[in-house]
């Protein structure tokens, strides 16, 4: 009877050790994934800040004006604007109706 108890206890210890090792390994893997995603998030936030600053700089009138002059662009005239109802319908929309 004692031998059966010892074998059962030994099996329980081995199974518990395996389960603990498995849980520990899985937890470390998940923690590494979380750290990697946090690092990527910080990198993306930094990139977004740089892009926002660049967009703010490029949208300044003193930057746009010389480029517009170089490419021959002029302000929009009133006769260039039309009402939405005056726009031609796409071919696939006309056929469906």
PDB file of N, CA and C in Angstrom:
ATOM      1  N   UNK A   1       0.823  -1.187   0.000  1.00  0.00           N
ATOM      2  CA  UNK A   1       0.000   0.000   0.000  1.00  0.00           C
ATOM      3  C   UNK A   1       0.871   1.257   0.000  1.00  0.00           C
ATOM      4  N   UNK A   2       1.934   1.232   0.792  1.00  0.00           N
ATOM      5  CA  UNK A   2       2.845   2.363   0.867  1.00  0.00           C
ATOM      6  C   UNK A   2       3.543   2.575  -0.477  1.00  0.00           C
ATOM      7  N   UNK A   3       3.906   1.475  -1.136  1.00  0.00           N
ATOM      8  CA  UNK A   3       4.568   1.561  -2.429  1.00  0.00           C
ATOM      9  C   UNK A   3       3.623   2.218  -3.449  1.00  0.00           C
ATOM     10  N   UNK A   4       2.354   1.871  -3.459  1.00  0.00           N
ATOM     11  CA  UNK A   4       1.353   2.461  -4.350  1.00  0.00           C
ATOM     12  C   UNK A   4       1.244   3.965  -4.089  1.00  0.00           C
ATOM     13  N   UNK A   5       1.256   4.350  -2.817  1.00  0.00           N
ATOM     14  CA  UNK A   5       1.185   5.761  -2.441  1.00  0.00           C
ATOM     15  C   UNK A   5       2.422   6.518  -2.931  1.00  0.00           C
ATOM     16  N   UNK A   6       3.604   5.934  -2.791  1.00  0.00           N
ATOM     17  CA  UNK A   6       4.856   6.574  -3.221  1.00  0.00           C
ATOM     18  C   UNK A   6       4.867   6.734  -4.738  1.00  0.00           C
ATOM     19  N   UNK A   7       4.448   5.701  -5.468  1.00  0.00           N
ATOM     20  CA  UNK A   7       4.397   5.780  -6.934  1.00  0.00           C
ATOM     21  C   UNK A   7       3.406   6.860  -7.360  1.00  0.00           C
ATOM     22  N   UNK A   8       2.259   6.913  -6.712  1.00  0.00           N
ATOM     23  CA  UNK A   8       1.261   7.945  -7.026  1.00  0.00           C
ATOM     24  C   UNK A   8       1.782   9.342  -6.726  1.00  0.00           C
ATOM     25  N   UNK A   9       2.464   9.491  -5.589  1.00  0.00           N
ATOM     26  CA  UNK A   9       3.025  10.794  -5.227  1.00  0.00           C
ATOM     27  C   UNK A   9       4.114  11.200  -6.212  1.00  0.00           C
ATOM     28  N   UNK A  10       4.956  10.246  -6.623  1.00  0.00           N
ATOM     29  CA  UNK A  10       6.017  10.526  -7.588  1.00  0.00           C
ATOM     30  C   UNK A  10       5.418  10.950  -8.930  1.00  0.00           C
ATOM     31  N   UNK A  11       4.396  10.249  -9.376  1.00  0.00           N
ATOM     32  CA  UNK A  11       3.714  10.605 -10.619  1.00  0.00           C
ATOM     33  C   UNK A  11       3.120  12.011 -10.520  1.00  0.00           C
ATOM     34  N   UNK A  12       2.510  12.322  -9.379  1.00  0.00           N
ATOM     35  CA  UNK A  12       1.915  13.645  -9.172  1.00  0.00           C
ATOM     36  C   UNK A  12       2.981  14.732  -9.205  1.00  0.00           C
ATOM     37  N   UNK A  13       4.133  14.469  -8.593  1.00  0.00           N
ATOM     38  CA  UNK A  13       5.227  15.449  -8.586  1.00  0.00           C
ATOM     39  C   UNK A  13       5.747  15.676  -9.999  1.00  0.00           C
ATOM     40  N   UNK A  14       5.943  14.593 -10.754  1.00  0.00           N
ATOM     41  CA  UNK A  14       6.448  14.718 -12.125  1.00  0.00           C
ATOM     42  C   UNK A  14       5.440  15.449 -13.004  1.00  0.00           C
ATOM     43  N   UNK A  15       4.166  15.099 -12.894  1.00  0.00           N
ATOM     44  CA  UNK A  15       3.123  15.769 -13.679  1.00  0.00           C
ATOM     45  C   UNK A  15       3.034  17.247 -13.312  1.00  0.00           C
ATOM     46  N   UNK A  16       3.142  17.561 -12.033  1.00  0.00           N
ATOM     47  CA  UNK A  16       3.093  18.958 -11.591  1.00  0.00           C
ATOM     48  C   UNK A  16       4.298  19.735 -12.106  1.00  0.00           C
ATOM     49  N   UNK A  17       5.472  19.106 -12.077  1.00  0.00           N
ATOM     50  CA  UNK A  17       6.682  19.769 -12.571  1.00  0.00           C
ATOM     51  C   UNK A  17       6.564  20.050 -14.066  1.00  0.00           C
ATOM     52  N   UNK A  18       6.050  19.083 -14.822  1.00  0.00           N
ATOM     53  CA  UNK A  18       5.861  19.279 -16.254  1.00  0.00           C
ATOM     54  C   UNK A  18       4.859  20.398 -16.516  1.00  0.00           C
ATOM     55  N   UNK A  19       3.744  20.392 -15.793  1.00  0.00           N
ATOM     56  CA  UNK A  19       2.727  21.431 -15.967  1.00  0.00           C
ATOM     57  C   UNK A  19       3.299  22.803 -15.627  1.00  0.00           C
ATOM     58  N   UNK A  20       4.048  22.889 -14.545  1.00  0.00           N
ATOM     59  CA  UNK A  20       4.659  24.153 -14.138  1.00  0.00           C
ATOM     60  C   UNK A  20       5.649  24.637 -15.194  1.00  0.00           C
ATOM     61  N   UNK A  21       6.465  23.728 -15.719  1.00  0.00           N
ATOM     62  CA  UNK A  21       7.427  24.090 -16.763  1.00  0.00           C
ATOM     63  C   UNK A  21       6.700  24.588 -18.010  1.00  0.00           C
ATOM     64  N   UNK A  22       5.644  23.889 -18.394  1.00  0.00           N
ATOM     65  CA  UNK A  22       4.875  24.271 -19.576  1.00  0.00           C
ATOM     66  C   UNK A  22       4.238  25.650 -19.397  1.00  0.00           C
ATOM     67  N   UNK A  23       3.653  25.883 -18.246  1.00  0.00           N
ATOM     68  CA  UNK A  23       3.023  27.179 -17.968  1.00  0.00           C
ATOM     69  C   UNK A  23       4.076  28.286 -17.951  1.00  0.00           C
ATOM     70  N   UNK A  24       5.220  28.003 -17.349  1.00  0.00           N
ATOM     71  CA  UNK A  24       6.299  28.987 -17.279  1.00  0.00           C
ATOM     72  C   UNK A  24       6.797  29.346 -18.679  1.00  0.00           C
ATOM     73  N   UNK A  25       7.000  28.345 -19.521  1.00  0.00           N
ATOM     74  CA  UNK A  25       7.468  28.578 -20.882  1.00  0.00           C
ATOM     75  C   UNK A  25       6.447  29.386 -21.676  1.00  0.00           C
ATOM     76  N   UNK A  26       5.187  29.022 -21.560  1.00  0.00           N
ATOM     77  CA  UNK A  26       4.131  29.742 -22.266  1.00  0.00           C
ATOM     78  C   UNK A  26       4.049  31.189 -21.793  1.00  0.00           C
ATOM     79  N   UNK A  27       4.147  31.387 -20.496  1.00  0.00           N
ATOM     80  CA  UNK A  27       4.079  32.736 -19.935  1.00  0.00           C
ATOM     81  C   UNK A  27       5.234  33.594 -20.423  1.00  0.00           C
ATOM     82  N   UNK A  28       6.432  33.027 -20.465  1.00  0.00           N
ATOM     83  CA  UNK A  28       7.592  33.788 -20.954  1.00  0.00           C
ATOM     84  C   UNK A  28       7.436  34.135 -22.432  1.00  0.00           C
ATOM     85  N   UNK A  29       6.896  33.207 -23.194  1.00  0.00           N
ATOM     86  CA  UNK A  29       6.671  33.463 -24.614  1.00  0.00           C
ATOM     87  C   UNK A  29       5.668  34.600 -24.807  1.00  0.00           C
ATOM     88  N   UNK A  30       4.597  34.568 -24.051  1.00  0.00           N
ATOM     89  CA  UNK A  30       3.589  35.629 -24.138  1.00  0.00           C
ATOM     90  C   UNK A  30       4.184  36.962 -23.693  1.00  0.00           C
ATOM     91  N   UNK A  31       4.986  36.949 -22.632  1.00  0.00           N
ATOM     92  CA  UNK A  31       5.621  38.182 -22.150  1.00  0.00           C
ATOM     93  C   UNK A  31       6.560  38.757 -23.211  1.00  0.00           C
ATOM     94  N   UNK A  32       7.295  37.894 -23.906  1.00  0.00           N
ATOM     95  CA  UNK A  32       8.176  38.359 -24.978  1.00  0.00           C
ATOM     96  C   UNK A  32       7.368  38.975 -26.116  1.00  0.00           C
ATOM     97  N   UNK A  33       6.247  38.343 -26.464  1.00  0.00           N
ATOM     98  CA  UNK A  33       5.377  38.887 -27.506  1.00  0.00           C
ATOM     99  C   UNK A  33       4.837  40.258 -27.107  1.00  0.00           C
ATOM    100  N   UNK A  34       4.433  40.396 -25.863  1.00  0.00           N
ATOM    101  CA  UNK A  34       3.907  41.677 -25.379  1.00  0.00           C
ATOM    102  C   UNK A  34       4.989  42.750 -25.441  1.00  0.00           C
ATOM    103  N   UNK A  35       6.213  42.415 -25.021  1.00  0.00           N
ATOM    104  CA  UNK A  35       7.315  43.381 -25.070  1.00  0.00           C
ATOM    105  C   UNK A  35       7.594  43.814 -26.504  1.00  0.00           C
ATOM    106  N   UNK A  36       7.576  42.865 -27.429  1.00  0.00           N
ATOM    107  CA  UNK A  36       7.822  43.180 -28.836  1.00  0.00           C
ATOM    108  C   UNK A  36       6.727  44.100 -29.375  1.00  0.00           C
ATOM    109  N   UNK A  37       5.487  43.815 -29.030  1.00  0.00           N
ATOM    110  CA  UNK A  37       4.380  44.656 -29.500  1.00  0.00           C
ATOM    111  C   UNK A  37       4.424  46.041 -28.866  1.00  0.00           C
ATOM    112  N   UNK A  38       4.828  46.135 -27.620  1.00  0.00           N
ATOM    113  CA  UNK A  38       4.978  47.446 -26.979  1.00  0.00           C
ATOM    114  C   UNK A  38       6.102  48.242 -27.641  1.00  0.00           C
ATOM    115  N   UNK A  39       7.198  47.563 -27.989  1.00  0.00           N
ATOM    116  CA  UNK A  39       8.303  48.231 -28.674  1.00  0.00           C
ATOM    117  C   UNK A  39       7.856  48.736 -30.043  1.00  0.00           C
ATOM    118  N   UNK A  40       7.116  47.899 -30.769  1.00  0.00           N
ATOM    119  CA  UNK A  40       6.605  48.291 -32.075  1.00  0.00           C
ATOM    120  C   UNK A  40       5.636  49.460 -31.948  1.00  0.00           C
ATOM    121  N   UNK A  41       4.803  49.433 -30.922  1.00  0.00           N
ATOM    122  CA  UNK A  41       3.839  50.521 -30.694  1.00  0.00           C
ATOM    123  C   UNK A  41       4.568  51.835 -30.461  1.00  0.00           C
ATOM    124  N   UNK A  42       5.594  51.813 -29.628  1.00  0.00           N
ATOM    125  CA  UNK A  42       6.366  53.027 -29.362  1.00  0.00           C
ATOM    126  C   UNK A  42       7.057  53.525 -30.634  1.00  0.00           C
ATOM    127  N   UNK A  43       7.549  52.595 -31.432  1.00  0.00           N
ATOM    128  CA  UNK A  43       8.193  52.962 -32.689  1.00  0.00           C
ATOM    129  C   UNK A  43       7.191  53.618 -33.635  1.00  0.00           C
ATOM    130  N   UNK A  44       5.985  53.062 -33.710  1.00  0.00           N
ATOM    131  CA  UNK A  44       4.957  53.630 -34.579  1.00  0.00           C
ATOM    132  C   UNK A  44       4.492  54.995 -34.085  1.00  0.00           C
ATOM    133  N   UNK A  45       4.370  55.155 -32.777  1.00  0.00           N
ATOM    134  CA  UNK A  45       3.985  56.454 -32.223  1.00  0.00           C
ATOM    135  C   UNK A  45       5.041  57.501 -32.572  1.00  0.00           C
ATOM    136  N   UNK A  46       6.305  57.121 -32.464  1.00  0.00           N
ATOM    137  CA  UNK A  46       7.392  58.037 -32.816  1.00  0.00           C
ATOM    138  C   UNK A  46       7.339  58.390 -34.301  1.00  0.00           C
ATOM    139  N   UNK A  47       7.102  57.400 -35.143  1.00  0.00           N
ATOM    140  CA  UNK A  47       7.005  57.645 -36.585  1.00  0.00           C
ATOM    141  C   UNK A  47       5.828  58.558 -36.905  1.00  0.00           C
ATOM    142  N   UNK A  48       4.704  58.340 -36.222  1.00  0.00           N
ATOM    143  CA  UNK A  48       3.537  59.192 -36.447  1.00  0.00           C
ATOM    144  C   UNK A  48       3.826  60.636 -36.057  1.00  0.00           C
ATOM    145  N   UNK A  49       4.535  60.835 -34.962  1.00  0.00           N
ATOM    146  CA  UNK A  49       4.871  62.191 -34.534  1.00  0.00           C
ATOM    147  C   UNK A  49       5.757  62.877 -35.570  1.00  0.00           C
ATOM    148  N   UNK A  50       6.704  62.129 -36.112  1.00  0.00           N
ATOM    149  CA  UNK A  50       7.585  62.691 -37.142  1.00  0.00           C
ATOM    150  C   UNK A  50       6.782  63.044 -38.389  1.00  0.00           C
ATOM    151  N   UNK A  51       5.882  62.157 -38.806  1.00  0.00           N
ATOM    152  CA  UNK A  51       5.071  62.420 -39.995  1.00  0.00           C
ATOM    153  C   UNK A  51       4.126  63.598 -39.794  1.00  0.00           C
ATOM    154  N   UNK A  52       3.561  63.729 -38.597  1.00  0.00           N
ATOM    155  CA  UNK A  52       2.685  64.875 -38.321  1.00  0.00           C
ATOM    156  C   UNK A  52       3.470  66.178 -38.389  1.00  0.00           C
ATOM    157  N   UNK A  53       4.677  66.178 -37.844  1.00  0.00           N
ATOM    158  CA  UNK A  53       5.510  67.381 -37.899  1.00  0.00           C
ATOM    159  C   UNK A  53       5.888  67.712 -39.339  1.00  0.00           C
ATOM    160  N   UNK A  54       6.198  66.691 -40.112  1.00  0.00           N
ATOM    161  CA  UNK A  54       6.549  66.913 -41.513  1.00  0.00           C
ATOM    162  C   UNK A  54       5.357  67.447 -42.291  1.00  0.00           C
ATOM    163  N   UNK A  55       4.174  66.888 -42.044  1.00  0.00           N
ATOM    164  CA  UNK A  55       2.970  67.371 -42.717  1.00  0.00           C
ATOM    165  C   UNK A  55       2.686  68.821 -42.332  1.00  0.00           C
ATOM    166  N   UNK A  56       2.845  69.143 -41.049  1.00  0.00           N
ATOM    167  CA  UNK A  56       2.612  70.516 -40.601  1.00  0.00           C
ATOM    168  C   UNK A  56       3.580  71.476 -41.294  1.00  0.00           C
ATOM    169  N   UNK A  57       4.827  71.060 -41.440  1.00  0.00           N
ATOM    170  CA  UNK A  57       5.802  71.912 -42.120  1.00  0.00           C
ATOM    171  C   UNK A  57       5.447  72.069 -43.594  1.00  0.00           C
ATOM    172  N   UNK A  58       5.136  70.965 -44.257  1.00  0.00           N
ATOM    173  CA  UNK A  58       4.872  71.016 -45.696  1.00  0.00           C
ATOM    174  C   UNK A  58       3.568  71.727 -46.037  1.00  0.00           C
ATOM    175  N   UNK A  59       2.642  71.831 -45.100  1.00  0.00           N
ATOM    176  CA  UNK A  59       1.369  72.496 -45.389  1.00  0.00           C
ATOM    177  C   UNK A  59       1.415  73.995 -45.097  1.00  0.00           C
ATOM    178  N   UNK A  60       2.567  74.503 -44.703  1.00  0.00           N
ATOM    179  CA  UNK A  60       2.697  75.935 -44.444  1.00  0.00           C
ATOM    180  C   UNK A  60       2.682  76.691 -45.771  1.00  0.00           C
ATOM    181  N   UNK A  61       2.008  77.834 -45.820  1.00  0.00           N
ATOM    182  CA  UNK A  61       1.910  78.596 -47.074  1.00  0.00           C
ATOM    183  C   UNK A  61       3.267  78.968 -47.670  1.00  0.00           C
ATOM    184  N   UNK A  62       4.248  79.289 -46.836  1.00  0.00           N
ATOM    185  CA  UNK A  62       5.553  79.685 -47.376  1.00  0.00           C
ATOM    186  C   UNK A  62       6.295  78.508 -48.017  1.00  0.00           C
ATOM    187  N   UNK A  63       5.870  77.299 -47.753  1.00  0.00           N
ATOM    188  CA  UNK A  63       6.451  76.127 -48.415  1.00  0.00           C
ATOM    189  C   UNK A  63       5.652  75.798 -49.676  1.00  0.00           C
ATOM    190  N   UNK A  64       4.326  75.918 -49.591  1.00  0.00           N
ATOM    191  CA  UNK A  64       3.461  75.556 -50.721  1.00  0.00           C
ATOM    192  C   UNK A  64       3.578  76.569 -51.863  1.00  0.00           C
ATOM    193  N   UNK A  65       3.651  77.856 -51.529  1.00  0.00           N
ATOM    194  CA  UNK A  65       3.628  78.895 -52.564  1.00  0.00           C
ATOM    195  C   UNK A  65       4.742  78.756 -53.600  1.00  0.00           C
ATOM    196  N   UNK A  66       6.008  78.587 -53.218  1.00  0.00           N
ATOM    197  CA  UNK A  66       7.048  78.429 -54.254  1.00  0.00           C
ATOM    198  C   UNK A  66       6.842  77.180 -55.113  1.00  0.00           C
ATOM    199  N   UNK A  67       6.376  76.116 -54.506  1.00  0.00           N
ATOM    200  CA  UNK A  67       6.126  74.896 -55.288  1.00  0.00           C
ATOM    201  C   UNK A  67       4.976  75.099 -56.263  1.00  0.00           C
ATOM    202  N   UNK A  68       3.925  75.771 -55.816  1.00  0.00           N
ATOM    203  CA  UNK A  68       2.780  76.028 -56.693  1.00  0.00           C
ATOM    204  C   UNK A  68       3.195  76.909 -57.868  1.00  0.00           C
ATOM    205  N   UNK A  69       4.002  77.912 -57.599  1.00  0.00           N
ATOM    206  CA  UNK A  69       4.483  78.783 -58.687  1.00  0.00           C
ATOM    207  C   UNK A  69       5.359  77.994 -59.670  1.00  0.00           C
ATOM    208  N   UNK A  70       6.211  77.119 -59.154  1.00  0.00           N
ATOM    209  CA  UNK A  70       7.098  76.339 -60.018  1.00  0.00           C
ATOM    210  C   UNK A  70       6.295  75.456 -60.970  1.00  0.00           C
ATOM    211  N   UNK A  71       5.183  74.908 -60.509  1.00  0.00           N
ATOM    212  CA  UNK A  71       4.380  74.014 -61.340  1.00  0.00           C
ATOM    213  C   UNK A  71       3.234  74.724 -62.041  1.00  0.00           C
ATOM    214  N   UNK A  72       3.220  76.050 -61.986  1.00  0.00           N
ATOM    215  CA  UNK A  72       2.222  76.823 -62.721  1.00  0.00           C
ATOM    216  C   UNK A  72       0.816  76.715 -62.166  1.00  0.00           C
ATOM    217  N   UNK A  73       0.671  76.489 -60.913  1.00  0.00           N
ATOM    218  CA  UNK A  73      -0.662  76.366 -60.316  1.00  0.00           C
ATOM    219  C   UNK A  73      -1.170  77.752 -59.938  1.00  0.00           C
ATOM    220  N   UNK A  74      -2.497  77.933 -60.078  1.00  0.00           N
ATOM    221  CA  UNK A  74      -3.135  79.195 -59.728  1.00  0.00           C
ATOM    222  C   UNK A  74      -4.320  78.907 -58.825  1.00  0.00           C
ATOM    223  N   UNK A  75      -4.822  79.923 -58.123  1.00  0.00           N
ATOM    224  CA  UNK A  75      -6.003  79.715 -57.277  1.00  0.00           C
ATOM    225  C   UNK A  75      -7.205  79.275 -58.114  1.00  0.00           C
ATOM    226  N   UNK A  76      -8.135  78.592 -57.491  1.00  0.00           N
ATOM    227  CA  UNK A  76      -9.338  78.104 -58.164  1.00  0.00           C
ATOM    228  C   UNK A  76     -10.245  79.285 -58.482  1.00  0.00           C
ATOM    229  N   UNK A  77     -10.831  79.267 -59.688  1.00  0.00           N
ATOM    230  CA  UNK A  77     -11.778  80.313 -60.094  1.00  0.00           C
ATOM    231  C   UNK A  77     -13.191  79.788 -59.899  1.00  0.00           C
ATOM    232  N   UNK A  78     -14.126  80.690 -59.774  1.00  0.00           N
ATOM    233  CA  UNK A  78     -15.517  80.314 -59.546  1.00  0.00           C
ATOM    234  C   UNK A  78     -16.109  79.476 -60.663  1.00  0.00           C
ATOM    235  N   UNK A  79     -15.725  79.760 -61.905  1.00  0.00           N
ATOM    236  CA  UNK A  79     -16.293  78.999 -63.033  1.00  0.00           C
ATOM    237  C   UNK A  79     -15.745  77.573 -63.117  1.00  0.00           C
ATOM    238  N   UNK A  80     -14.719  77.264 -62.346  1.00  0.00           N
ATOM    239  CA  UNK A  80     -14.196  75.900 -62.322  1.00  0.00           C
ATOM    240  C   UNK A  80     -15.026  74.988 -61.424  1.00  0.00           C
ATOM    241  N   UNK A  81     -15.850  75.559 -60.568  1.00  0.00           N
ATOM    242  CA  UNK A  81     -16.648  74.782 -59.628  1.00  0.00           C
ATOM    243  C   UNK A  81     -18.022  74.502 -60.222  1.00  0.00           C
ATOM    244  N   UNK A  82     -18.516  73.280 -60.039  1.00  0.00           N
ATOM    245  CA  UNK A  82     -19.856  72.926 -60.502  1.00  0.00           C
ATOM    246  C   UNK A  82     -20.614  72.271 -59.356  1.00  0.00           C
ATOM    247  N   UNK A  83     -21.933  72.204 -59.527  1.00  0.00           N
ATOM    248  CA  UNK A  83     -22.777  71.550 -58.535  1.00  0.00           C
ATOM    249  C   UNK A  83     -22.648  70.035 -58.693  1.00  0.00           C
ATOM    250  N   UNK A  84     -22.864  69.336 -57.635  1.00  0.00           N
ATOM    251  CA  UNK A  84     -22.735  67.874 -57.652  1.00  0.00           C
ATOM    252  C   UNK A  84     -23.687  67.237 -58.659  1.00  0.00           C
ATOM    253  N   UNK A  85     -24.850  67.822 -58.843  1.00  0.00           N
ATOM    254  CA  UNK A  85     -25.829  67.251 -59.777  1.00  0.00           C
ATOM    255  C   UNK A  85     -25.363  67.370 -61.226  1.00  0.00           C
ATOM    256  N   UNK A  86     -24.408  68.243 -61.511  1.00  0.00           N
ATOM    257  CA  UNK A  86     -23.899  68.416 -62.869  1.00  0.00           C
ATOM    258  C   UNK A  86     -22.812  67.404 -63.231  1.00  0.00           C
ATOM    259  N   UNK A  87     -22.366  66.641 -62.272  1.00  0.00           N
ATOM    260  CA  UNK A  87     -21.335  65.644 -62.545  1.00  0.00           C
ATOM    261  C   UNK A  87     -21.906  64.509 -63.381  1.00  0.00           C
ATOM    262  N   UNK A  88     -21.167  64.020 -64.370  1.00  0.00           N
ATOM    263  CA  UNK A  88     -21.663  62.878 -65.150  1.00  0.00           C
ATOM    264  C   UNK A  88     -21.672  61.613 -64.296  1.00  0.00           C
ATOM    265  N   UNK A  89     -22.668  60.779 -64.530  1.00  0.00           N
ATOM    266  CA  UNK A  89     -22.748  59.521 -63.785  1.00  0.00           C
ATOM    267  C   UNK A  89     -21.826  58.495 -64.435  1.00  0.00           C
ATOM    268  N   UNK A  90     -21.215  57.637 -63.633  1.00  0.00           N
ATOM    269  CA  UNK A  90     -20.378  56.573 -64.209  1.00  0.00           C
ATOM    270  C   UNK A  90     -21.208  55.642 -65.086  1.00  0.00           C
ATOM    271  N   UNK A  91     -20.577  55.018 -66.073  1.00  0.00           N
ATOM    272  CA  UNK A  91     -21.282  54.166 -67.034  1.00  0.00           C
ATOM    273  C   UNK A  91     -21.994  53.012 -66.347  1.00  0.00           C
ATOM    274  N   UNK A  92     -21.394  52.379 -65.362  1.00  0.00           N
ATOM    275  CA  UNK A  92     -22.019  51.233 -64.718  1.00  0.00           C
ATOM    276  C   UNK A  92     -23.256  51.646 -63.924  1.00  0.00           C
ATOM    277  N   UNK A  93     -23.355  52.895 -63.491  1.00  0.00           N
ATOM    278  CA  UNK A  93     -24.535  53.355 -62.752  1.00  0.00           C
ATOM    279  C   UNK A  93     -25.685  53.605 -63.715  1.00  0.00           C
ATOM    280  N   UNK A  94     -25.391  54.144 -64.902  1.00  0.00           N
ATOM    281  CA  UNK A  94     -26.440  54.418 -65.885  1.00  0.00           C
ATOM    282  C   UNK A  94     -27.083  53.125 -66.374  1.00  0.00           C
ATOM    283  N   UNK A  95     -26.291  52.092 -66.576  1.00  0.00           N
ATOM    284  CA  UNK A  95     -26.830  50.831 -67.079  1.00  0.00           C
ATOM    285  C   UNK A  95     -27.701  50.137 -66.046  1.00  0.00           C
ATOM    286  N   UNK A  96     -27.381  50.280 -64.782  1.00  0.00           N
ATOM    287  CA  UNK A  96     -28.123  49.587 -63.732  1.00  0.00           C
ATOM    288  C   UNK A  96     -29.512  50.166 -63.553  1.00  0.00           C
ATOM    289  N   UNK A  97     -29.732  51.412 -63.925  1.00  0.00           N
ATOM    290  CA  UNK A  97     -31.035  52.039 -63.702  1.00  0.00           C
ATOM    291  C   UNK A  97     -31.893  51.866 -64.853  1.00  0.00           C
TER     292      UNK A  97
END
